[in-house]
Protein backbone atom coordinates (compact mmCIF):
# COMPACT_ATOMS: atom_id res chain seq x y z
CA MET A 1 106.43 101.63 74.47
CA ASN A 2 108.58 101.46 77.62
CA ILE A 3 107.17 103.12 80.74
CA LEU A 4 109.10 103.78 83.94
CA ILE A 5 106.84 104.11 87.00
CA THR A 6 108.33 105.39 90.25
CA GLY A 7 106.62 104.73 93.54
CA ALA A 8 105.41 101.40 92.15
CA SER A 9 105.30 99.81 95.61
CA GLY A 10 102.92 102.54 96.79
CA PHE A 11 99.17 102.84 96.38
CA ILE A 12 99.01 105.04 93.27
CA GLY A 13 102.11 103.64 91.58
CA GLY A 14 100.99 100.07 92.23
CA HIS A 15 97.65 100.74 90.58
CA LEU A 16 99.38 102.39 87.63
CA VAL A 17 101.56 99.31 87.15
CA LYS A 18 98.51 97.05 87.34
CA ASP A 19 96.56 99.13 84.82
CA TYR A 20 99.40 99.59 82.32
CA SER A 21 100.36 95.91 82.52
CA ASN A 22 97.11 95.16 80.68
CA TYR A 23 98.61 96.71 77.53
CA LYS A 24 100.63 93.83 76.13
CA ASP A 25 102.62 96.07 73.75
CA THR A 26 103.88 98.07 76.75
CA LYS A 27 106.91 97.19 78.85
CA ILE A 28 106.96 98.56 82.38
CA VAL A 29 109.88 99.16 84.70
CA ALA A 30 108.37 99.47 88.17
CA LEU A 31 110.63 101.20 90.70
CA GLY A 32 109.88 101.05 94.40
CA ARG A 33 111.19 100.18 97.85
CA ASP A 34 109.33 97.13 99.11
CA PHE A 35 107.23 95.12 96.69
CA LYS A 36 104.43 93.01 98.10
CA HIS A 37 102.68 91.68 95.04
CA ASN A 38 101.35 88.26 94.15
CA ASN A 39 101.46 88.44 90.39
CA ASN A 40 104.29 89.09 88.00
CA PRO A 41 102.91 90.13 84.63
CA PRO A 42 105.39 89.19 81.89
CA ASN A 43 105.68 92.79 80.69
CA VAL A 44 106.60 94.21 84.12
CA MET A 45 110.11 94.32 85.61
CA TYR A 46 110.12 95.16 89.33
CA VAL A 47 113.25 96.94 90.59
CA SER A 48 113.88 97.80 94.24
CA VAL A 49 115.85 101.03 94.34
CA ASP A 50 116.40 104.00 96.63
CA LEU A 51 115.47 106.98 94.47
CA LEU A 52 117.51 109.23 96.76
CA ASP A 53 120.64 107.47 95.52
CA SER A 54 121.21 108.83 92.01
CA VAL A 55 124.08 106.39 91.33
CA GLN A 56 121.95 103.41 92.35
CA LEU A 57 119.11 104.72 90.18
CA GLU A 58 121.33 105.15 87.14
CA THR A 59 122.88 101.70 87.65
CA ALA A 60 119.46 100.07 88.01
CA LEU A 61 118.36 101.53 84.67
CA GLU A 62 121.55 100.77 82.78
CA GLY A 63 120.72 99.28 79.39
CA ILE A 64 116.98 99.91 79.80
CA GLU A 65 115.21 102.07 77.24
CA VAL A 66 112.60 104.46 78.65
CA ASP A 67 110.02 106.34 76.57
CA ILE A 68 107.80 107.72 79.34
CA ILE A 69 108.28 108.35 83.06
CA ILE A 70 105.34 108.44 85.44
CA HIS A 71 106.67 109.77 88.73
CA SER A 72 104.41 108.82 91.63
CA ALA A 73 107.01 108.36 94.36
CA GLY A 74 106.98 110.70 97.31
CA GLN A 75 105.98 111.36 100.89
CA ALA A 76 102.23 111.86 100.90
CA HIS A 77 101.70 112.72 104.56
CA ILE A 78 101.56 116.52 104.82
CA SER A 79 102.25 116.32 108.57
CA ASN A 80 105.82 115.22 107.74
CA SER A 81 106.42 118.58 106.06
CA THR A 82 106.53 120.17 109.50
CA SER A 83 107.41 117.30 111.85
CA ASN A 84 110.23 115.81 109.76
CA GLN A 85 111.23 118.38 107.19
CA LYS A 86 114.38 116.60 106.01
CA LEU A 87 112.48 113.38 105.27
CA PHE A 88 109.78 115.34 103.45
CA ILE A 89 112.30 117.35 101.37
CA ASP A 90 114.37 114.25 100.56
CA ASN A 91 111.40 112.12 99.51
CA ASN A 92 109.65 114.81 97.50
CA ILE A 93 112.15 117.33 96.20
CA LYS A 94 115.47 115.45 96.01
CA VAL A 95 113.86 112.31 94.62
CA THR A 96 112.13 114.40 91.95
CA GLU A 97 115.47 116.02 91.08
CA ASN A 98 116.99 112.54 90.66
CA VAL A 99 114.10 111.41 88.46
CA LEU A 100 114.47 114.54 86.32
CA ALA A 101 118.22 113.91 86.04
CA ILE A 102 117.69 110.31 84.91
CA SER A 103 115.15 111.52 82.36
CA LYS A 104 117.86 113.70 80.83
CA ILE A 105 120.41 110.88 80.88
CA LYS A 106 117.91 108.51 79.25
CA ASN A 107 116.72 111.22 76.83
CA VAL A 108 113.09 110.74 77.85
CA LYS A 109 110.68 113.05 76.06
CA LYS A 110 107.54 112.47 78.16
């Protein structure tokens, strides 16, 4: 099984990558911005990508089969929804639209 995890450099996504990397029959593509990790499990491929850039996202996943997407990327701070609305909309809504679009391109069912 091939799992794509967005937000893999964040708290939740990072823990998802760590947990799923224990399943040796699972290959993980971990997407994030800035990776600060000390271990590189053999079944995990870390990819730095800006999820706001749909072309960059599609290019990064070229030739990679994806069975499941776990989307954990986003702006968690609710205060940004009022203080910096564009940032909040970009990082939560537009990024999600790009992830949904790539799921269609990759024909992901889950």
